């Protein structure tokens, strides 16, 4: 998996854990639903860290909680 796939999977995972929809996440985080859907469905290949921070704020987690998973730890280096 690449970094974008891991980010998308993490967002879906967090929504499933909290039993909230993508639209609900957008609303509670102040991110436009279209922006979030662009990340989740591949239109945005480089989501801003500020957007991810806003999602974390809406989920009441830290960036460390968001990125502190085995999937992020095991990513291959982007620069080859």
PDB file of N, CA and C in Angstrom:
ATOM      1  N   UNK A   1       0.836  -1.189   0.000  1.00  0.00           N
ATOM      2  CA  UNK A   1       0.000   0.000   0.000  1.00  0.00           C
ATOM      3  C   UNK A   1       0.876   1.245   0.000  1.00  0.00           C
ATOM      4  N   UNK A   2       0.363   2.277  -0.632  1.00  0.00           N
ATOM      5  CA  UNK A   2       1.091   3.543  -0.618  1.00  0.00           C
ATOM      6  C   UNK A   2       0.525   4.455   0.481  1.00  0.00           C
ATOM      7  N   UNK A   3       1.146   5.587   0.666  1.00  0.00           N
ATOM      8  CA  UNK A   3       0.775   6.499   1.743  1.00  0.00           C
ATOM      9  C   UNK A   3      -0.675   6.958   1.631  1.00  0.00           C
ATOM     10  N   UNK A   4      -1.103   7.304   0.435  1.00  0.00           N
ATOM     11  CA  UNK A   4      -2.478   7.775   0.242  1.00  0.00           C
ATOM     12  C   UNK A   4      -3.481   6.685   0.615  1.00  0.00           C
ATOM     13  N   UNK A   5      -3.197   5.451   0.224  1.00  0.00           N
ATOM     14  CA  UNK A   5      -4.092   4.342   0.581  1.00  0.00           C
ATOM     15  C   UNK A   5      -4.170   4.149   2.090  1.00  0.00           C
ATOM     16  N   UNK A   6      -3.051   4.291   2.770  1.00  0.00           N
ATOM     17  CA  UNK A   6      -3.028   4.121   4.224  1.00  0.00           C
ATOM     18  C   UNK A   6      -3.834   5.244   4.892  1.00  0.00           C
ATOM     19  N   UNK A   7      -3.702   6.466   4.393  1.00  0.00           N
ATOM     20  CA  UNK A   7      -4.480   7.583   4.935  1.00  0.00           C
ATOM     21  C   UNK A   7      -5.972   7.328   4.734  1.00  0.00           C
ATOM     22  N   UNK A   8      -6.360   6.932   3.525  1.00  0.00           N
ATOM     23  CA  UNK A   8      -7.772   6.651   3.248  1.00  0.00           C
ATOM     24  C   UNK A   8      -8.288   5.545   4.168  1.00  0.00           C
ATOM     25  N   UNK A   9      -7.535   4.471   4.285  1.00  0.00           N
ATOM     26  CA  UNK A   9      -7.960   3.359   5.132  1.00  0.00           C
ATOM     27  C   UNK A   9      -8.103   3.790   6.588  1.00  0.00           C
ATOM     28  N   UNK A  10      -7.188   4.635   7.042  1.00  0.00           N
ATOM     29  CA  UNK A  10      -7.235   5.097   8.435  1.00  0.00           C
ATOM     30  C   UNK A  10      -8.497   5.934   8.678  1.00  0.00           C
ATOM     31  N   UNK A  11      -8.840   6.799   7.741  1.00  0.00           N
ATOM     32  CA  UNK A  11     -10.051   7.610   7.894  1.00  0.00           C
ATOM     33  C   UNK A  11     -11.291   6.717   7.937  1.00  0.00           C
ATOM     34  N   UNK A  12     -11.368   5.754   7.010  1.00  0.00           N
ATOM     35  CA  UNK A  12     -12.505   4.828   7.018  1.00  0.00           C
ATOM     36  C   UNK A  12     -12.553   4.036   8.326  1.00  0.00           C
ATOM     37  N   UNK A  13     -11.391   3.599   8.803  1.00  0.00           N
ATOM     38  CA  UNK A  13     -11.307   2.829  10.051  1.00  0.00           C
ATOM     39  C   UNK A  13     -11.840   3.647  11.226  1.00  0.00           C
ATOM     40  N   UNK A  14     -11.404   4.900  11.319  1.00  0.00           N
ATOM     41  CA  UNK A  14     -11.825   5.757  12.424  1.00  0.00           C
ATOM     42  C   UNK A  14     -13.328   6.046  12.363  1.00  0.00           C
ATOM     43  N   UNK A  15     -13.860   6.233  11.165  1.00  0.00           N
ATOM     44  CA  UNK A  15     -15.306   6.440  11.023  1.00  0.00           C
ATOM     45  C   UNK A  15     -16.065   5.187  11.447  1.00  0.00           C
ATOM     46  N   UNK A  16     -15.579   4.036  11.022  1.00  0.00           N
ATOM     47  CA  UNK A  16     -16.247   2.784  11.399  1.00  0.00           C
ATOM     48  C   UNK A  16     -16.207   2.559  12.904  1.00  0.00           C
ATOM     49  N   UNK A  17     -15.065   2.839  13.538  1.00  0.00           N
ATOM     50  CA  UNK A  17     -14.946   2.677  14.989  1.00  0.00           C
ATOM     51  C   UNK A  17     -15.957   3.546  15.737  1.00  0.00           C
ATOM     52  N   UNK A  18     -16.211   4.721  15.196  1.00  0.00           N
ATOM     53  CA  UNK A  18     -17.098   5.676  15.863  1.00  0.00           C
ATOM     54  C   UNK A  18     -18.529   5.618  15.320  1.00  0.00           C
ATOM     55  N   UNK A  19     -18.729   4.757  14.336  1.00  0.00           N
ATOM     56  CA  UNK A  19     -20.048   4.590  13.721  1.00  0.00           C
ATOM     57  C   UNK A  19     -20.581   5.920  13.183  1.00  0.00           C
ATOM     58  N   UNK A  20     -19.708   6.643  12.458  1.00  0.00           N
ATOM     59  CA  UNK A  20     -20.121   7.906  11.833  1.00  0.00           C
ATOM     60  C   UNK A  20     -19.871   7.826  10.325  1.00  0.00           C
ATOM     61  N   UNK A  21     -20.651   8.585   9.607  1.00  0.00           N
ATOM     62  CA  UNK A  21     -20.515   8.623   8.150  1.00  0.00           C
ATOM     63  C   UNK A  21     -19.414   9.610   7.754  1.00  0.00           C
ATOM     64  N   UNK A  22     -19.039   9.528   6.489  1.00  0.00           N
ATOM     65  CA  UNK A  22     -18.063  10.467   5.947  1.00  0.00           C
ATOM     66  C   UNK A  22     -18.605  11.890   6.037  1.00  0.00           C
ATOM     67  N   UNK A  23     -19.887  12.069   5.729  1.00  0.00           N
ATOM     68  CA  UNK A  23     -20.488  13.407   5.822  1.00  0.00           C
ATOM     69  C   UNK A  23     -20.490  13.924   7.250  1.00  0.00           C
ATOM     70  N   UNK A  24     -20.752  13.052   8.210  1.00  0.00           N
ATOM     71  CA  UNK A  24     -20.722  13.451   9.626  1.00  0.00           C
ATOM     72  C   UNK A  24     -19.305  13.878  10.019  1.00  0.00           C
ATOM     73  N   UNK A  25     -18.301  13.117   9.574  1.00  0.00           N
ATOM     74  CA  UNK A  25     -16.917  13.493   9.867  1.00  0.00           C
ATOM     75  C   UNK A  25     -16.601  14.860   9.277  1.00  0.00           C
ATOM     76  N   UNK A  26     -17.026  15.089   8.058  1.00  0.00           N
ATOM     77  CA  UNK A  26     -16.790  16.396   7.433  1.00  0.00           C
ATOM     78  C   UNK A  26     -17.434  17.505   8.262  1.00  0.00           C
ATOM     79  N   UNK A  27     -18.662  17.286   8.690  1.00  0.00           N
ATOM     80  CA  UNK A  27     -19.382  18.304   9.469  1.00  0.00           C
ATOM     81  C   UNK A  27     -18.716  18.596  10.807  1.00  0.00           C
ATOM     82  N   UNK A  28     -18.331  17.553  11.539  1.00  0.00           N
ATOM     83  CA  UNK A  28     -17.765  17.795  12.875  1.00  0.00           C
ATOM     84  C   UNK A  28     -16.336  18.314  12.819  1.00  0.00           C
ATOM     85  N   UNK A  29     -15.683  18.158  11.658  1.00  0.00           N
ATOM     86  CA  UNK A  29     -14.300  18.609  11.556  1.00  0.00           C
ATOM     87  C   UNK A  29     -14.156  19.933  10.806  1.00  0.00           C
ATOM     88  N   UNK A  30     -15.228  20.399  10.191  1.00  0.00           N
ATOM     89  CA  UNK A  30     -15.156  21.651   9.451  1.00  0.00           C
ATOM     90  C   UNK A  30     -14.473  21.519   8.100  1.00  0.00           C
ATOM     91  N   UNK A  31     -14.384  20.309   7.600  1.00  0.00           N
ATOM     92  CA  UNK A  31     -13.808  20.052   6.278  1.00  0.00           C
ATOM     93  C   UNK A  31     -14.958  19.911   5.290  1.00  0.00           C
ATOM     94  N   UNK A  32     -14.835  20.537   4.145  1.00  0.00           N
ATOM     95  CA  UNK A  32     -15.882  20.416   3.134  1.00  0.00           C
ATOM     96  C   UNK A  32     -16.055  18.945   2.751  1.00  0.00           C
ATOM     97  N   UNK A  33     -17.300  18.473   2.682  1.00  0.00           N
ATOM     98  CA  UNK A  33     -17.525  17.082   2.296  1.00  0.00           C
ATOM     99  C   UNK A  33     -16.850  16.720   0.973  1.00  0.00           C
ATOM    100  N   UNK A  34     -16.844  17.650   0.037  1.00  0.00           N
ATOM    101  CA  UNK A  34     -16.204  17.370  -1.251  1.00  0.00           C
ATOM    102  C   UNK A  34     -14.693  17.178  -1.092  1.00  0.00           C
ATOM    103  N   UNK A  35     -14.082  17.934  -0.194  1.00  0.00           N
ATOM    104  CA  UNK A  35     -12.639  17.782   0.046  1.00  0.00           C
ATOM    105  C   UNK A  35     -12.329  16.420   0.645  1.00  0.00           C
ATOM    106  N   UNK A  36     -13.145  16.007   1.604  1.00  0.00           N
ATOM    107  CA  UNK A  36     -12.932  14.715   2.234  1.00  0.00           C
ATOM    108  C   UNK A  36     -13.157  13.587   1.230  1.00  0.00           C
ATOM    109  N   UNK A  37     -14.204  13.692   0.431  1.00  0.00           N
ATOM    110  CA  UNK A  37     -14.466  12.665  -0.582  1.00  0.00           C
ATOM    111  C   UNK A  37     -13.368  12.629  -1.637  1.00  0.00           C
ATOM    112  N   UNK A  38     -12.784  13.778  -1.958  1.00  0.00           N
ATOM    113  CA  UNK A  38     -11.657  13.798  -2.898  1.00  0.00           C
ATOM    114  C   UNK A  38     -10.473  13.000  -2.355  1.00  0.00           C
ATOM    115  N   UNK A  39     -10.244  13.083  -1.068  1.00  0.00           N
ATOM    116  CA  UNK A  39      -9.166  12.297  -0.446  1.00  0.00           C
ATOM    117  C   UNK A  39      -9.526  10.818  -0.483  1.00  0.00           C
ATOM    118  N   UNK A  40     -10.741  10.498  -0.100  1.00  0.00           N
ATOM    119  CA  UNK A  40     -11.135   9.101   0.055  1.00  0.00           C
ATOM    120  C   UNK A  40     -11.325   8.360  -1.263  1.00  0.00           C
ATOM    121  N   UNK A  41     -11.643   9.083  -2.309  1.00  0.00           N
ATOM    122  CA  UNK A  41     -11.928   8.412  -3.576  1.00  0.00           C
ATOM    123  C   UNK A  41     -10.911   8.727  -4.663  1.00  0.00           C
ATOM    124  N   UNK A  42      -9.727   9.189  -4.256  1.00  0.00           N
ATOM    125  CA  UNK A  42      -8.591   9.239  -5.149  1.00  0.00           C
ATOM    126  C   UNK A  42      -8.373  10.486  -5.966  1.00  0.00           C
ATOM    127  N   UNK A  43      -9.243  11.471  -5.874  1.00  0.00           N
ATOM    128  CA  UNK A  43      -9.028  12.680  -6.665  1.00  0.00           C
ATOM    129  C   UNK A  43      -7.878  13.520  -6.092  1.00  0.00           C
ATOM    130  N   UNK A  44      -7.772  13.539  -4.783  1.00  0.00           N
ATOM    131  CA  UNK A  44      -6.683  14.270  -4.114  1.00  0.00           C
ATOM    132  C   UNK A  44      -5.576  13.285  -3.766  1.00  0.00           C
ATOM    133  N   UNK A  45      -4.421  13.457  -4.384  1.00  0.00           N
ATOM    134  CA  UNK A  45      -3.299  12.556  -4.152  1.00  0.00           C
ATOM    135  C   UNK A  45      -2.288  13.122  -3.156  1.00  0.00           C
ATOM    136  N   UNK A  46      -2.576  14.302  -2.606  1.00  0.00           N
ATOM    137  CA  UNK A  46      -1.650  14.922  -1.666  1.00  0.00           C
ATOM    138  C   UNK A  46      -2.427  15.752  -0.642  1.00  0.00           C
ATOM    139  N   UNK A  47      -3.152  15.074   0.270  1.00  0.00           N
ATOM    140  CA  UNK A  47      -3.933  15.838   1.242  1.00  0.00           C
ATOM    141  C   UNK A  47      -3.024  16.657   2.161  1.00  0.00           C
ATOM    142  N   UNK A  48      -3.480  17.862   2.471  1.00  0.00           N
ATOM    143  CA  UNK A  48      -2.698  18.748   3.330  1.00  0.00           C
ATOM    144  C   UNK A  48      -2.729  18.251   4.767  1.00  0.00           C
ATOM    145  N   UNK A  49      -1.632  18.461   5.459  1.00  0.00           N
ATOM    146  CA  UNK A  49      -1.568  18.066   6.864  1.00  0.00           C
ATOM    147  C   UNK A  49      -2.595  18.855   7.673  1.00  0.00           C
ATOM    148  N   UNK A  50      -2.878  20.097   7.271  1.00  0.00           N
ATOM    149  CA  UNK A  50      -3.896  20.885   7.972  1.00  0.00           C
ATOM    150  C   UNK A  50      -5.262  20.222   7.860  1.00  0.00           C
ATOM    151  N   UNK A  51      -5.582  19.662   6.708  1.00  0.00           N
ATOM    152  CA  UNK A  51      -6.855  18.960   6.538  1.00  0.00           C
ATOM    153  C   UNK A  51      -6.916  17.734   7.442  1.00  0.00           C
ATOM    154  N   UNK A  52      -5.823  16.982   7.487  1.00  0.00           N
ATOM    155  CA  UNK A  52      -5.783  15.806   8.365  1.00  0.00           C
ATOM    156  C   UNK A  52      -5.891  16.232   9.821  1.00  0.00           C
ATOM    157  N   UNK A  53      -5.256  17.347  10.187  1.00  0.00           N
ATOM    158  CA  UNK A  53      -5.347  17.870  11.557  1.00  0.00           C
ATOM    159  C   UNK A  53      -6.793  18.244  11.890  1.00  0.00           C
ATOM    160  N   UNK A  54      -7.486  18.851  10.949  1.00  0.00           N
ATOM    161  CA  UNK A  54      -8.883  19.214  11.177  1.00  0.00           C
ATOM    162  C   UNK A  54      -9.739  17.962  11.373  1.00  0.00           C
ATOM    163  N   UNK A  55      -9.471  16.922  10.589  1.00  0.00           N
ATOM    164  CA  UNK A  55     -10.194  15.661  10.769  1.00  0.00           C
ATOM    165  C   UNK A  55      -9.915  15.079  12.145  1.00  0.00           C
ATOM    166  N   UNK A  56      -8.659  15.133  12.559  1.00  0.00           N
ATOM    167  CA  UNK A  56      -8.293  14.648  13.896  1.00  0.00           C
ATOM    168  C   UNK A  56      -9.013  15.438  14.980  1.00  0.00           C
ATOM    169  N   UNK A  57      -9.071  16.752  14.818  1.00  0.00           N
ATOM    170  CA  UNK A  57      -9.781  17.589  15.792  1.00  0.00           C
ATOM    171  C   UNK A  57     -11.247  17.173  15.880  1.00  0.00           C
ATOM    172  N   UNK A  58     -11.872  16.928  14.739  1.00  0.00           N
ATOM    173  CA  UNK A  58     -13.261  16.493  14.723  1.00  0.00           C
ATOM    174  C   UNK A  58     -13.456  15.146  15.397  1.00  0.00           C
ATOM    175  N   UNK A  59     -12.445  14.288  15.275  1.00  0.00           N
ATOM    176  CA  UNK A  59     -12.499  12.958  15.887  1.00  0.00           C
ATOM    177  C   UNK A  59     -12.000  12.959  17.328  1.00  0.00           C
ATOM    178  N   UNK A  60     -11.497  14.117  17.773  1.00  0.00           N
ATOM    179  CA  UNK A  60     -10.950  14.280  19.119  1.00  0.00           C
ATOM    180  C   UNK A  60      -9.761  13.353  19.358  1.00  0.00           C
ATOM    181  N   UNK A  61      -8.878  13.297  18.347  1.00  0.00           N
ATOM    182  CA  UNK A  61      -7.627  12.547  18.475  1.00  0.00           C
ATOM    183  C   UNK A  61      -6.477  13.444  18.052  1.00  0.00           C
ATOM    184  N   UNK A  62      -5.279  13.056  18.413  1.00  0.00           N
ATOM    185  CA  UNK A  62      -4.096  13.818  18.016  1.00  0.00           C
ATOM    186  C   UNK A  62      -3.584  13.301  16.674  1.00  0.00           C
ATOM    187  N   UNK A  63      -2.716  14.086  16.068  1.00  0.00           N
ATOM    188  CA  UNK A  63      -2.045  13.609  14.851  1.00  0.00           C
ATOM    189  C   UNK A  63      -1.248  12.344  15.145  1.00  0.00           C
ATOM    190  N   UNK A  64      -0.662  12.286  16.329  1.00  0.00           N
ATOM    191  CA  UNK A  64       0.100  11.088  16.714  1.00  0.00           C
ATOM    192  C   UNK A  64      -0.805   9.865  16.754  1.00  0.00           C
ATOM    193  N   UNK A  65      -2.036  10.034  17.248  1.00  0.00           N
ATOM    194  CA  UNK A  65      -2.994   8.928  17.259  1.00  0.00           C
ATOM    195  C   UNK A  65      -3.364   8.515  15.833  1.00  0.00           C
ATOM    196  N   UNK A  66      -3.520   9.496  14.969  1.00  0.00           N
ATOM    197  CA  UNK A  66      -3.895   9.203  13.580  1.00  0.00           C
ATOM    198  C   UNK A  66      -2.785   8.411  12.891  1.00  0.00           C
ATOM    199  N   UNK A  67      -1.558   8.895  13.029  1.00  0.00           N
ATOM    200  CA  UNK A  67      -0.435   8.285  12.306  1.00  0.00           C
ATOM    201  C   UNK A  67       0.240   7.150  13.071  1.00  0.00           C
ATOM    202  N   UNK A  68      -0.127   6.934  14.323  1.00  0.00           N
ATOM    203  CA  UNK A  68       0.553   5.937  15.158  1.00  0.00           C
ATOM    204  C   UNK A  68       0.023   4.527  14.965  1.00  0.00           C
ATOM    205  N   UNK A  69       0.045   4.044  13.745  1.00  0.00           N
ATOM    206  CA  UNK A  69      -0.417   2.685  13.465  1.00  0.00           C
ATOM    207  C   UNK A  69       0.685   1.896  12.761  1.00  0.00           C
ATOM    208  N   UNK A  70       0.558   0.591  12.779  1.00  0.00           N
ATOM    209  CA  UNK A  70       1.533  -0.263  12.091  1.00  0.00           C
ATOM    210  C   UNK A  70       1.579   0.027  10.604  1.00  0.00           C
ATOM    211  N   UNK A  71       0.428   0.326  10.009  1.00  0.00           N
ATOM    212  CA  UNK A  71       0.409   0.611   8.572  1.00  0.00           C
ATOM    213  C   UNK A  71       1.300   1.796   8.228  1.00  0.00           C
ATOM    214  N   UNK A  72       1.256   2.846   9.046  1.00  0.00           N
ATOM    215  CA  UNK A  72       2.130   3.997   8.789  1.00  0.00           C
ATOM    216  C   UNK A  72       3.587   3.654   9.096  1.00  0.00           C
ATOM    217  N   UNK A  73       3.820   2.883  10.135  1.00  0.00           N
ATOM    218  CA  UNK A  73       5.182   2.492  10.508  1.00  0.00           C
ATOM    219  C   UNK A  73       5.856   1.658   9.418  1.00  0.00           C
ATOM    220  N   UNK A  74       5.071   0.872   8.684  1.00  0.00           N
ATOM    221  CA  UNK A  74       5.623  -0.064   7.713  1.00  0.00           C
ATOM    222  C   UNK A  74       5.597   0.431   6.274  1.00  0.00           C
ATOM    223  N   UNK A  75       5.285   1.718   6.076  1.00  0.00           N
ATOM    224  CA  UNK A  75       5.282   2.241   4.714  1.00  0.00           C
ATOM    225  C   UNK A  75       6.676   2.243   4.119  1.00  0.00           C
ATOM    226  N   UNK A  76       6.740   1.967   2.835  1.00  0.00           N
ATOM    227  CA  UNK A  76       8.011   2.095   2.124  1.00  0.00           C
ATOM    228  C   UNK A  76       8.342   3.573   1.962  1.00  0.00           C
ATOM    229  N   UNK A  77       9.605   3.844   1.818  1.00  0.00           N
ATOM    230  CA  UNK A  77      10.057   5.208   1.621  1.00  0.00           C
ATOM    231  C   UNK A  77       9.517   5.729   0.293  1.00  0.00           C
ATOM    232  N   UNK A  78       9.040   6.957   0.267  1.00  0.00           N
ATOM    233  CA  UNK A  78       8.485   7.560  -0.952  1.00  0.00           C
ATOM    234  C   UNK A  78       9.574   7.900  -1.960  1.00  0.00           C
ATOM    235  N   UNK A  79      10.723   8.326  -1.467  1.00  0.00           N
ATOM    236  CA  UNK A  79      11.841   8.680  -2.352  1.00  0.00           C
ATOM    237  C   UNK A  79      12.687   7.446  -2.567  1.00  0.00           C
ATOM    238  N   UNK A  80      12.857   7.084  -3.810  1.00  0.00           N
ATOM    239  CA  UNK A  80      13.603   5.857  -4.104  1.00  0.00           C
ATOM    240  C   UNK A  80      14.788   6.147  -4.970  1.00  0.00           C
TER     241      UNK A  80
END
